[in-house]
């Protein structure tokens, strides 16, 4: 087992048991730099907030189980949902949308 797969197995044992390895993630995403990040960071998702002037952008905090990084893009798993977002220079992640519960479909959407 590679060190990267060990990291994946540690933070996402259910993915690893389902046959996901870092190499498979790289193959499906077509990004050879794909890596697993620690979920111990600030992760936000944009959300619509109703205000006096209509809907405005706000943010809700996510508690990710898994973060996969692809250069400056990320896929973040919270519960059964995969969110796509941007990895910021300070290590935080801001997501803009859910891409559903299918990791393979989310990887292909990168």
PDB file of N, CA and C in Angstrom:
ATOM      1  N   UNK A   1       0.849  -1.174   0.000  1.00  0.00           N
ATOM      2  CA  UNK A   1       0.000   0.000   0.000  1.00  0.00           C
ATOM      3  C   UNK A   1       0.896   1.238   0.000  1.00  0.00           C
ATOM      4  N   UNK A   2       0.568   2.191  -0.871  1.00  0.00           N
ATOM      5  CA  UNK A   2       1.355   3.420  -0.940  1.00  0.00           C
ATOM      6  C   UNK A   2       1.041   4.309   0.270  1.00  0.00           C
ATOM      7  N   UNK A   3       1.941   5.235   0.608  1.00  0.00           N
ATOM      8  CA  UNK A   3       1.647   6.179   1.691  1.00  0.00           C
ATOM      9  C   UNK A   3       0.371   6.984   1.429  1.00  0.00           C
ATOM     10  N   UNK A   4       0.120   7.329   0.166  1.00  0.00           N
ATOM     11  CA  UNK A   4      -1.098   8.083  -0.165  1.00  0.00           C
ATOM     12  C   UNK A   4      -2.347   7.248   0.072  1.00  0.00           C
ATOM     13  N   UNK A   5      -2.283   5.957  -0.273  1.00  0.00           N
ATOM     14  CA  UNK A   5      -3.420   5.077  -0.022  1.00  0.00           C
ATOM     15  C   UNK A   5      -3.612   4.856   1.475  1.00  0.00           C
ATOM     16  N   UNK A   6      -2.528   4.825   2.222  1.00  0.00           N
ATOM     17  CA  UNK A   6      -2.636   4.718   3.677  1.00  0.00           C
ATOM     18  C   UNK A   6      -3.369   5.926   4.249  1.00  0.00           C
ATOM     19  N   UNK A   7      -3.054   7.121   3.722  1.00  0.00           N
ATOM     20  CA  UNK A   7      -3.746   8.339   4.170  1.00  0.00           C
ATOM     21  C   UNK A   7      -5.222   8.270   3.818  1.00  0.00           C
ATOM     22  N   UNK A   8      -5.547   7.789   2.619  1.00  0.00           N
ATOM     23  CA  UNK A   8      -6.941   7.652   2.209  1.00  0.00           C
ATOM     24  C   UNK A   8      -7.656   6.642   3.095  1.00  0.00           C
ATOM     25  N   UNK A   9      -7.026   5.511   3.363  1.00  0.00           N
ATOM     26  CA  UNK A   9      -7.634   4.483   4.206  1.00  0.00           C
ATOM     27  C   UNK A   9      -7.870   4.992   5.620  1.00  0.00           C
ATOM     28  N   UNK A  10      -7.002   5.883   6.083  1.00  0.00           N
ATOM     29  CA  UNK A  10      -7.149   6.426   7.432  1.00  0.00           C
ATOM     30  C   UNK A  10      -8.316   7.410   7.525  1.00  0.00           C
ATOM     31  N   UNK A  11      -8.426   8.332   6.569  1.00  0.00           N
ATOM     32  CA  UNK A  11      -9.481   9.356   6.655  1.00  0.00           C
ATOM     33  C   UNK A  11     -10.793   8.884   6.040  1.00  0.00           C
ATOM     34  N   UNK A  12     -10.749   7.913   5.137  1.00  0.00           N
ATOM     35  CA  UNK A  12     -11.965   7.460   4.461  1.00  0.00           C
ATOM     36  C   UNK A  12     -11.958   5.949   4.273  1.00  0.00           C
ATOM     37  N   UNK A  13     -12.013   5.207   5.365  1.00  0.00           N
ATOM     38  CA  UNK A  13     -11.939   3.744   5.237  1.00  0.00           C
ATOM     39  C   UNK A  13     -13.051   3.155   4.373  1.00  0.00           C
ATOM     40  N   UNK A  14     -14.240   3.785   4.388  1.00  0.00           N
ATOM     41  CA  UNK A  14     -15.342   3.260   3.578  1.00  0.00           C
ATOM     42  C   UNK A  14     -15.056   3.406   2.089  1.00  0.00           C
ATOM     43  N   UNK A  15     -14.407   4.489   1.684  1.00  0.00           N
ATOM     44  CA  UNK A  15     -14.018   4.653   0.280  1.00  0.00           C
ATOM     45  C   UNK A  15     -12.964   3.627  -0.106  1.00  0.00           C
ATOM     46  N   UNK A  16     -11.987   3.457   0.770  1.00  0.00           N
ATOM     47  CA  UNK A  16     -10.901   2.520   0.487  1.00  0.00           C
ATOM     48  C   UNK A  16     -11.451   1.098   0.370  1.00  0.00           C
ATOM     49  N   UNK A  17     -12.350   0.716   1.276  1.00  0.00           N
ATOM     50  CA  UNK A  17     -12.955  -0.619   1.214  1.00  0.00           C
ATOM     51  C   UNK A  17     -13.798  -0.799  -0.042  1.00  0.00           C
ATOM     52  N   UNK A  18     -14.348   0.301  -0.563  1.00  0.00           N
ATOM     53  CA  UNK A  18     -15.159   0.238  -1.789  1.00  0.00           C
ATOM     54  C   UNK A  18     -14.290   0.188  -3.045  1.00  0.00           C
ATOM     55  N   UNK A  19     -12.977   0.123  -2.876  1.00  0.00           N
ATOM     56  CA  UNK A  19     -12.087  -0.020  -4.023  1.00  0.00           C
ATOM     57  C   UNK A  19     -11.463   1.267  -4.528  1.00  0.00           C
ATOM     58  N   UNK A  20     -11.690   2.373  -3.805  1.00  0.00           N
ATOM     59  CA  UNK A  20     -11.079   3.641  -4.222  1.00  0.00           C
ATOM     60  C   UNK A  20      -9.661   3.726  -3.692  1.00  0.00           C
ATOM     61  N   UNK A  21      -8.730   3.966  -4.589  1.00  0.00           N
ATOM     62  CA  UNK A  21      -7.334   4.230  -4.236  1.00  0.00           C
ATOM     63  C   UNK A  21      -6.992   5.602  -4.818  1.00  0.00           C
ATOM     64  N   UNK A  22      -5.882   6.155  -4.392  1.00  0.00           N
ATOM     65  CA  UNK A  22      -5.459   7.436  -4.944  1.00  0.00           C
ATOM     66  C   UNK A  22      -5.202   7.293  -6.446  1.00  0.00           C
ATOM     67  N   UNK A  23      -4.647   6.166  -6.853  1.00  0.00           N
ATOM     68  CA  UNK A  23      -4.390   5.945  -8.279  1.00  0.00           C
ATOM     69  C   UNK A  23      -5.693   5.904  -9.071  1.00  0.00           C
ATOM     70  N   UNK A  24      -6.730   5.270  -8.530  1.00  0.00           N
ATOM     71  CA  UNK A  24      -8.032   5.234  -9.223  1.00  0.00           C
ATOM     72  C   UNK A  24      -8.646   6.631  -9.276  1.00  0.00           C
ATOM     73  N   UNK A  25      -8.537   7.388  -8.192  1.00  0.00           N
ATOM     74  CA  UNK A  25      -9.034   8.765  -8.174  1.00  0.00           C
ATOM     75  C   UNK A  25      -8.331   9.589  -9.241  1.00  0.00           C
ATOM     76  N   UNK A  26      -7.018   9.418  -9.353  1.00  0.00           N
ATOM     77  CA  UNK A  26      -6.249  10.135 -10.380  1.00  0.00           C
ATOM     78  C   UNK A  26      -6.676   9.725 -11.778  1.00  0.00           C
ATOM     79  N   UNK A  27      -6.918   8.446 -11.981  1.00  0.00           N
ATOM     80  CA  UNK A  27      -7.313   7.952 -13.293  1.00  0.00           C
ATOM     81  C   UNK A  27      -8.679   8.503 -13.705  1.00  0.00           C
ATOM     82  N   UNK A  28      -9.659   8.437 -12.824  1.00  0.00           N
ATOM     83  CA  UNK A  28     -11.011   8.898 -13.148  1.00  0.00           C
ATOM     84  C   UNK A  28     -11.034  10.412 -13.341  1.00  0.00           C
ATOM     85  N   UNK A  29     -10.298  11.139 -12.497  1.00  0.00           N
ATOM     86  CA  UNK A  29     -10.292  12.604 -12.581  1.00  0.00           C
ATOM     87  C   UNK A  29      -9.384  13.125 -13.695  1.00  0.00           C
ATOM     88  N   UNK A  30      -8.515  12.277 -14.215  1.00  0.00           N
ATOM     89  CA  UNK A  30      -7.519  12.660 -15.217  1.00  0.00           C
ATOM     90  C   UNK A  30      -6.558  13.716 -14.670  1.00  0.00           C
ATOM     91  N   UNK A  31      -6.305  13.644 -13.364  1.00  0.00           N
ATOM     92  CA  UNK A  31      -5.392  14.597 -12.710  1.00  0.00           C
ATOM     93  C   UNK A  31      -4.367  13.795 -11.913  1.00  0.00           C
ATOM     94  N   UNK A  32      -3.152  13.739 -12.430  1.00  0.00           N
ATOM     95  CA  UNK A  32      -2.109  12.945 -11.789  1.00  0.00           C
ATOM     96  C   UNK A  32      -1.605  13.535 -10.478  1.00  0.00           C
ATOM     97  N   UNK A  33      -2.024  14.771 -10.164  1.00  0.00           N
ATOM     98  CA  UNK A  33      -1.595  15.395  -8.911  1.00  0.00           C
ATOM     99  C   UNK A  33      -2.613  15.220  -7.789  1.00  0.00           C
ATOM    100  N   UNK A  34      -3.727  14.535  -8.047  1.00  0.00           N
ATOM    101  CA  UNK A  34      -4.773  14.369  -7.032  1.00  0.00           C
ATOM    102  C   UNK A  34      -4.179  13.801  -5.746  1.00  0.00           C
ATOM    103  N   UNK A  35      -4.622  14.362  -4.623  1.00  0.00           N
ATOM    104  CA  UNK A  35      -4.107  13.934  -3.334  1.00  0.00           C
ATOM    105  C   UNK A  35      -5.186  14.059  -2.267  1.00  0.00           C
ATOM    106  N   UNK A  36      -4.945  13.423  -1.144  1.00  0.00           N
ATOM    107  CA  UNK A  36      -5.855  13.486  -0.005  1.00  0.00           C
ATOM    108  C   UNK A  36      -5.346  14.560   0.944  1.00  0.00           C
ATOM    109  N   UNK A  37      -6.246  15.456   1.381  1.00  0.00           N
ATOM    110  CA  UNK A  37      -5.888  16.487   2.349  1.00  0.00           C
ATOM    111  C   UNK A  37      -6.503  16.162   3.701  1.00  0.00           C
ATOM    112  N   UNK A  38      -5.914  16.682   4.732  1.00  0.00           N
ATOM    113  CA  UNK A  38      -6.486  16.560   6.070  1.00  0.00           C
ATOM    114  C   UNK A  38      -7.808  17.328   6.119  1.00  0.00           C
ATOM    115  N   UNK A  39      -8.831  16.745   6.723  1.00  0.00           N
ATOM    116  CA  UNK A  39     -10.099  17.468   6.848  1.00  0.00           C
ATOM    117  C   UNK A  39     -10.087  18.504   7.978  1.00  0.00           C
ATOM    118  N   UNK A  40      -8.974  18.605   8.679  1.00  0.00           N
ATOM    119  CA  UNK A  40      -8.850  19.554   9.791  1.00  0.00           C
ATOM    120  C   UNK A  40      -8.520  20.944   9.271  1.00  0.00           C
ATOM    121  N   UNK A  41      -9.520  21.603   8.689  1.00  0.00           N
ATOM    122  CA  UNK A  41      -9.361  22.940   8.128  1.00  0.00           C
ATOM    123  C   UNK A  41     -10.749  23.558   8.016  1.00  0.00           C
ATOM    124  N   UNK A  42     -10.796  24.834   7.773  1.00  0.00           N
ATOM    125  CA  UNK A  42     -12.072  25.515   7.588  1.00  0.00           C
ATOM    126  C   UNK A  42     -12.588  25.186   6.186  1.00  0.00           C
ATOM    127  N   UNK A  43     -13.839  24.697   6.134  1.00  0.00           N
ATOM    128  CA  UNK A  43     -14.486  24.386   4.865  1.00  0.00           C
ATOM    129  C   UNK A  43     -15.880  25.009   4.901  1.00  0.00           C
ATOM    130  N   UNK A  44     -16.148  25.856   3.919  1.00  0.00           N
ATOM    131  CA  UNK A  44     -17.432  26.549   3.826  1.00  0.00           C
ATOM    132  C   UNK A  44     -18.107  26.203   2.514  1.00  0.00           C
ATOM    133  N   UNK A  45     -19.430  26.321   2.497  1.00  0.00           N
ATOM    134  CA  UNK A  45     -20.177  26.166   1.257  1.00  0.00           C
ATOM    135  C   UNK A  45     -21.069  27.390   1.106  1.00  0.00           C
ATOM    136  N   UNK A  46     -21.114  27.917  -0.109  1.00  0.00           N
ATOM    137  CA  UNK A  46     -21.980  29.067  -0.377  1.00  0.00           C
ATOM    138  C   UNK A  46     -23.426  28.638  -0.226  1.00  0.00           C
ATOM    139  N   UNK A  47     -24.225  29.525   0.338  1.00  0.00           N
ATOM    140  CA  UNK A  47     -25.651  29.253   0.475  1.00  0.00           C
ATOM    141  C   UNK A  47     -26.413  30.548   0.287  1.00  0.00           C
ATOM    142  N   UNK A  48     -27.622  30.433  -0.226  1.00  0.00           N
ATOM    143  CA  UNK A  48     -28.466  31.616  -0.417  1.00  0.00           C
ATOM    144  C   UNK A  48     -29.063  32.006   0.929  1.00  0.00           C
ATOM    145  N   UNK A  49     -29.001  33.283   1.228  1.00  0.00           N
ATOM    146  CA  UNK A  49     -29.566  33.824   2.462  1.00  0.00           C
ATOM    147  C   UNK A  49     -30.620  34.841   2.068  1.00  0.00           C
ATOM    148  N   UNK A  50     -31.848  34.623   2.533  1.00  0.00           N
ATOM    149  CA  UNK A  50     -32.919  35.569   2.210  1.00  0.00           C
ATOM    150  C   UNK A  50     -32.752  36.819   3.045  1.00  0.00           C
ATOM    151  N   UNK A  51     -32.756  37.944   2.380  1.00  0.00           N
ATOM    152  CA  UNK A  51     -32.638  39.223   3.066  1.00  0.00           C
ATOM    153  C   UNK A  51     -33.685  40.197   2.563  1.00  0.00           C
ATOM    154  N   UNK A  52     -33.642  41.404   3.076  1.00  0.00           N
ATOM    155  CA  UNK A  52     -34.632  42.421   2.700  1.00  0.00           C
ATOM    156  C   UNK A  52     -34.590  42.707   1.197  1.00  0.00           C
ATOM    157  N   UNK A  53     -33.399  42.651   0.597  1.00  0.00           N
ATOM    158  CA  UNK A  53     -33.273  42.956  -0.823  1.00  0.00           C
ATOM    159  C   UNK A  53     -33.322  41.728  -1.708  1.00  0.00           C
ATOM    160  N   UNK A  54     -33.720  40.579  -1.177  1.00  0.00           N
ATOM    161  CA  UNK A  54     -33.744  39.340  -1.948  1.00  0.00           C
ATOM    162  C   UNK A  54     -32.687  38.383  -1.432  1.00  0.00           C
ATOM    163  N   UNK A  55     -32.324  37.431  -2.257  1.00  0.00           N
ATOM    164  CA  UNK A  55     -31.340  36.422  -1.859  1.00  0.00           C
ATOM    165  C   UNK A  55     -29.928  36.984  -2.007  1.00  0.00           C
ATOM    166  N   UNK A  56     -29.113  36.733  -1.016  1.00  0.00           N
ATOM    167  CA  UNK A  56     -27.710  37.147  -1.047  1.00  0.00           C
ATOM    168  C   UNK A  56     -26.863  35.922  -0.695  1.00  0.00           C
ATOM    169  N   UNK A  57     -25.621  35.943  -1.086  1.00  0.00           N
ATOM    170  CA  UNK A  57     -24.728  34.825  -0.793  1.00  0.00           C
ATOM    171  C   UNK A  57     -24.313  34.862   0.669  1.00  0.00           C
ATOM    172  N   UNK A  58     -24.357  33.706   1.290  1.00  0.00           N
ATOM    173  CA  UNK A  58     -23.862  33.524   2.642  1.00  0.00           C
ATOM    174  C   UNK A  58     -23.043  32.244   2.640  1.00  0.00           C
ATOM    175  N   UNK A  59     -22.576  31.851   3.798  1.00  0.00           N
ATOM    176  CA  UNK A  59     -21.756  30.650   3.881  1.00  0.00           C
ATOM    177  C   UNK A  59     -22.197  29.806   5.064  1.00  0.00           C
ATOM    178  N   UNK A  60     -22.165  28.497   4.866  1.00  0.00           N
ATOM    179  CA  UNK A  60     -22.417  27.545   5.934  1.00  0.00           C
ATOM    180  C   UNK A  60     -21.155  26.707   6.100  1.00  0.00           C
ATOM    181  N   UNK A  61     -20.856  26.341   7.323  1.00  0.00           N
ATOM    182  CA  UNK A  61     -19.655  25.551   7.592  1.00  0.00           C
ATOM    183  C   UNK A  61     -19.932  24.077   7.349  1.00  0.00           C
ATOM    184  N   UNK A  62     -19.021  23.413   6.678  1.00  0.00           N
ATOM    185  CA  UNK A  62     -19.097  21.967   6.473  1.00  0.00           C
ATOM    186  C   UNK A  62     -18.158  21.278   7.447  1.00  0.00           C
ATOM    187  N   UNK A  63     -18.490  20.069   7.816  1.00  0.00           N
ATOM    188  CA  UNK A  63     -17.638  19.221   8.650  1.00  0.00           C
ATOM    189  C   UNK A  63     -17.239  18.016   7.797  1.00  0.00           C
ATOM    190  N   UNK A  64     -16.202  18.190   6.986  1.00  0.00           N
ATOM    191  CA  UNK A  64     -15.863  17.154   6.008  1.00  0.00           C
ATOM    192  C   UNK A  64     -15.264  15.898   6.632  1.00  0.00           C
ATOM    193  N   UNK A  65     -15.598  14.783   6.007  1.00  0.00           N
ATOM    194  CA  UNK A  65     -14.954  13.517   6.347  1.00  0.00           C
ATOM    195  C   UNK A  65     -13.727  13.318   5.468  1.00  0.00           C
ATOM    196  N   UNK A  66     -13.824  13.774   4.219  1.00  0.00           N
ATOM    197  CA  UNK A  66     -12.757  13.573   3.227  1.00  0.00           C
ATOM    198  C   UNK A  66     -12.610  14.846   2.408  1.00  0.00           C
ATOM    199  N   UNK A  67     -11.352  15.196   2.095  1.00  0.00           N
ATOM    200  CA  UNK A  67     -11.071  16.269   1.135  1.00  0.00           C
ATOM    201  C   UNK A  67     -10.063  15.724   0.127  1.00  0.00           C
ATOM    202  N   UNK A  68     -10.445  15.759  -1.136  1.00  0.00           N
ATOM    203  CA  UNK A  68      -9.561  15.373  -2.230  1.00  0.00           C
ATOM    204  C   UNK A  68      -9.172  16.644  -2.969  1.00  0.00           C
ATOM    205  N   UNK A  69      -7.882  16.830  -3.209  1.00  0.00           N
ATOM    206  CA  UNK A  69      -7.395  18.044  -3.856  1.00  0.00           C
ATOM    207  C   UNK A  69      -6.890  17.737  -5.257  1.00  0.00           C
ATOM    208  N   UNK A  70      -7.193  18.658  -6.172  1.00  0.00           N
ATOM    209  CA  UNK A  70      -6.799  18.578  -7.582  1.00  0.00           C
ATOM    210  C   UNK A  70      -6.276  19.961  -7.956  1.00  0.00           C
ATOM    211  N   UNK A  71      -4.988  20.188  -7.747  1.00  0.00           N
ATOM    212  CA  UNK A  71      -4.405  21.521  -7.884  1.00  0.00           C
ATOM    213  C   UNK A  71      -5.148  22.444  -6.929  1.00  0.00           C
ATOM    214  N   UNK A  72      -5.873  23.443  -7.426  1.00  0.00           N
ATOM    215  CA  UNK A  72      -6.586  24.354  -6.516  1.00  0.00           C
ATOM    216  C   UNK A  72      -8.077  24.039  -6.399  1.00  0.00           C
ATOM    217  N   UNK A  73      -8.529  22.957  -7.021  1.00  0.00           N
ATOM    218  CA  UNK A  73      -9.911  22.505  -6.849  1.00  0.00           C
ATOM    219  C   UNK A  73      -9.949  21.381  -5.821  1.00  0.00           C
ATOM    220  N   UNK A  74     -11.092  21.251  -5.154  1.00  0.00           N
ATOM    221  CA  UNK A  74     -11.260  20.189  -4.164  1.00  0.00           C
ATOM    222  C   UNK A  74     -12.626  19.556  -4.300  1.00  0.00           C
ATOM    223  N   UNK A  75     -12.696  18.288  -3.934  1.00  0.00           N
ATOM    224  CA  UNK A  75     -13.962  17.625  -3.673  1.00  0.00           C
ATOM    225  C   UNK A  75     -13.984  17.337  -2.179  1.00  0.00           C
ATOM    226  N   UNK A  76     -15.062  17.732  -1.541  1.00  0.00           N
ATOM    227  CA  UNK A  76     -15.209  17.622  -0.092  1.00  0.00           C
ATOM    228  C   UNK A  76     -16.413  16.741   0.191  1.00  0.00           C
ATOM    229  N   UNK A  77     -16.224  15.703   0.997  1.00  0.00           N
ATOM    230  CA  UNK A  77     -17.351  14.850   1.353  1.00  0.00           C
ATOM    231  C   UNK A  77     -17.827  15.172   2.761  1.00  0.00           C
ATOM    232  N   UNK A  78     -19.117  15.504   2.857  1.00  0.00           N
ATOM    233  CA  UNK A  78     -19.776  15.634   4.147  1.00  0.00           C
ATOM    234  C   UNK A  78     -20.999  14.733   4.086  1.00  0.00           C
ATOM    235  N   UNK A  79     -21.073  13.811   5.031  1.00  0.00           N
ATOM    236  CA  UNK A  79     -22.113  12.785   5.018  1.00  0.00           C
ATOM    237  C   UNK A  79     -22.075  12.088   3.661  1.00  0.00           C
ATOM    238  N   UNK A  80     -23.174  12.064   2.919  1.00  0.00           N
ATOM    239  CA  UNK A  80     -23.189  11.363   1.630  1.00  0.00           C
ATOM    240  C   UNK A  80     -23.045  12.289   0.435  1.00  0.00           C
ATOM    241  N   UNK A  81     -22.734  13.547   0.654  1.00  0.00           N
ATOM    242  CA  UNK A  81     -22.654  14.521  -0.426  1.00  0.00           C
ATOM    243  C   UNK A  81     -21.206  14.893  -0.740  1.00  0.00           C
ATOM    244  N   UNK A  82     -20.921  15.067  -2.032  1.00  0.00           N
ATOM    245  CA  UNK A  82     -19.634  15.577  -2.495  1.00  0.00           C
ATOM    246  C   UNK A  82     -19.832  17.008  -2.969  1.00  0.00           C
ATOM    247  N   UNK A  83     -19.040  17.924  -2.416  1.00  0.00           N
ATOM    248  CA  UNK A  83     -19.095  19.341  -2.777  1.00  0.00           C
ATOM    249  C   UNK A  83     -17.830  19.709  -3.537  1.00  0.00           C
ATOM    250  N   UNK A  84     -17.961  20.544  -4.560  1.00  0.00           N
ATOM    251  CA  UNK A  84     -16.789  21.033  -5.277  1.00  0.00           C
ATOM    252  C   UNK A  84     -16.457  22.425  -4.772  1.00  0.00           C
ATOM    253  N   UNK A  85     -15.161  22.689  -4.651  1.00  0.00           N
ATOM    254  CA  UNK A  85     -14.757  23.991  -4.163  1.00  0.00           C
ATOM    255  C   UNK A  85     -13.336  24.353  -4.530  1.00  0.00           C
ATOM    256  N   UNK A  86     -12.914  25.473  -4.007  1.00  0.00           N
ATOM    257  CA  UNK A  86     -11.603  26.080  -4.276  1.00  0.00           C
ATOM    258  C   UNK A  86     -10.740  25.977  -3.033  1.00  0.00           C
ATOM    259  N   UNK A  87      -9.508  25.498  -3.188  1.00  0.00           N
ATOM    260  CA  UNK A  87      -8.530  25.479  -2.104  1.00  0.00           C
ATOM    261  C   UNK A  87      -7.841  26.830  -2.077  1.00  0.00           C
ATOM    262  N   UNK A  88      -7.972  27.529  -0.965  1.00  0.00           N
ATOM    263  CA  UNK A  88      -7.366  28.855  -0.824  1.00  0.00           C
ATOM    264  C   UNK A  88      -5.930  28.752  -0.327  1.00  0.00           C
ATOM    265  N   UNK A  89      -5.164  29.815  -0.476  1.00  0.00           N
ATOM    266  CA  UNK A  89      -3.756  29.807  -0.082  1.00  0.00           C
ATOM    267  C   UNK A  89      -3.572  29.605   1.420  1.00  0.00           C
ATOM    268  N   UNK A  90      -4.585  29.947   2.222  1.00  0.00           N
ATOM    269  CA  UNK A  90      -4.486  29.740   3.672  1.00  0.00           C
ATOM    270  C   UNK A  90      -4.885  28.326   4.088  1.00  0.00           C
ATOM    271  N   UNK A  91      -5.224  27.469   3.123  1.00  0.00           N
ATOM    272  CA  UNK A  91      -5.589  26.082   3.413  1.00  0.00           C
ATOM    273  C   UNK A  91      -7.081  25.860   3.571  1.00  0.00           C
ATOM    274  N   UNK A  92      -7.855  26.924   3.648  1.00  0.00           N
ATOM    275  CA  UNK A  92      -9.306  26.769   3.756  1.00  0.00           C
ATOM    276  C   UNK A  92      -9.885  26.401   2.393  1.00  0.00           C
ATOM    277  N   UNK A  93     -11.125  25.925   2.413  1.00  0.00           N
ATOM    278  CA  UNK A  93     -11.809  25.538   1.180  1.00  0.00           C
ATOM    279  C   UNK A  93     -13.176  26.221   1.163  1.00  0.00           C
ATOM    280  N   UNK A  94     -13.518  26.817   0.025  1.00  0.00           N
ATOM    281  CA  UNK A  94     -14.845  27.389  -0.166  1.00  0.00           C
ATOM    282  C   UNK A  94     -15.501  26.629  -1.313  1.00  0.00           C
ATOM    283  N   UNK A  95     -16.612  25.962  -0.992  1.00  0.00           N
ATOM    284  CA  UNK A  95     -17.338  25.167  -1.983  1.00  0.00           C
ATOM    285  C   UNK A  95     -18.503  25.967  -2.537  1.00  0.00           C
ATOM    286  N   UNK A  96     -18.893  25.652  -3.765  1.00  0.00           N
ATOM    287  CA  UNK A  96     -19.985  26.383  -4.383  1.00  0.00           C
ATOM    288  C   UNK A  96     -21.195  25.516  -4.691  1.00  0.00           C
ATOM    289  N   UNK A  97     -21.061  24.195  -4.710  1.00  0.00           N
ATOM    290  CA  UNK A  97     -22.217  23.368  -5.035  1.00  0.00           C
ATOM    291  C   UNK A  97     -21.984  21.925  -4.632  1.00  0.00           C
ATOM    292  N   UNK A  98     -23.094  21.223  -4.416  1.00  0.00           N
ATOM    293  CA  UNK A  98     -23.050  19.779  -4.195  1.00  0.00           C
ATOM    294  C   UNK A  98     -23.082  19.099  -5.559  1.00  0.00           C
ATOM    295  N   UNK A  99     -22.286  18.057  -5.685  1.00  0.00           N
ATOM    296  CA  UNK A  99     -22.273  17.267  -6.911  1.00  0.00           C
ATOM    297  C   UNK A  99     -22.861  15.886  -6.664  1.00  0.00           C
ATOM    298  N   UNK A 100     -23.646  15.746  -5.598  1.00  0.00           N
ATOM    299  CA  UNK A 100     -24.344  14.498  -5.315  1.00  0.00           C
ATOM    300  C   UNK A 100     -23.525  13.515  -4.515  1.00  0.00           C
ATOM    301  N   UNK A 101     -24.003  12.289  -4.484  1.00  0.00           N
ATOM    302  CA  UNK A 101     -23.384  11.271  -3.639  1.00  0.00           C
ATOM    303  C   UNK A 101     -22.456  10.322  -4.400  1.00  0.00           C
ATOM    304  N   UNK A 102     -22.378  10.452  -5.706  1.00  0.00           N
ATOM    305  CA  UNK A 102     -21.570   9.559  -6.545  1.00  0.00           C
ATOM    306  C   UNK A 102     -20.184  10.159  -6.771  1.00  0.00           C
ATOM    307  N   UNK A 103     -19.179   9.579  -6.114  1.00  0.00           N
ATOM    308  CA  UNK A 103     -17.817  10.105  -6.233  1.00  0.00           C
ATOM    309  C   UNK A 103     -17.339  10.078  -7.674  1.00  0.00           C
ATOM    310  N   UNK A 104     -17.599   9.007  -8.390  1.00  0.00           N
ATOM    311  CA  UNK A 104     -17.119   8.916  -9.774  1.00  0.00           C
ATOM    312  C   UNK A 104     -17.707  10.044 -10.632  1.00  0.00           C
ATOM    313  N   UNK A 105     -18.994  10.322 -10.476  1.00  0.00           N
ATOM    314  CA  UNK A 105     -19.623  11.403 -11.247  1.00  0.00           C
ATOM    315  C   UNK A 105     -19.025  12.747 -10.844  1.00  0.00           C
ATOM    316  N   UNK A 106     -18.760  12.954  -9.561  1.00  0.00           N
ATOM    317  CA  UNK A 106     -18.153  14.206  -9.107  1.00  0.00           C
ATOM    318  C   UNK A 106     -16.749  14.358  -9.686  1.00  0.00           C
ATOM    319  N   UNK A 107     -15.980  13.278  -9.715  1.00  0.00           N
ATOM    320  CA  UNK A 107     -14.624  13.322 -10.282  1.00  0.00           C
ATOM    321  C   UNK A 107     -14.663  13.665 -11.773  1.00  0.00           C
ATOM    322  N   UNK A 108     -15.616  13.128 -12.469  1.00  0.00           N
ATOM    323  CA  UNK A 108     -15.724  13.406 -13.906  1.00  0.00           C
ATOM    324  C   UNK A 108     -16.181  14.843 -14.174  1.00  0.00           C
ATOM    325  N   UNK A 109     -16.795  15.475 -13.179  1.00  0.00           N
ATOM    326  CA  UNK A 109     -17.264  16.861 -13.340  1.00  0.00           C
ATOM    327  C   UNK A 109     -16.156  17.888 -13.122  1.00  0.00           C
ATOM    328  N   UNK A 110     -14.986  17.453 -12.667  1.00  0.00           N
ATOM    329  CA  UNK A 110     -13.888  18.390 -12.431  1.00  0.00           C
ATOM    330  C   UNK A 110     -13.483  19.094 -13.716  1.00  0.00           C
TER     331      UNK A 110
END
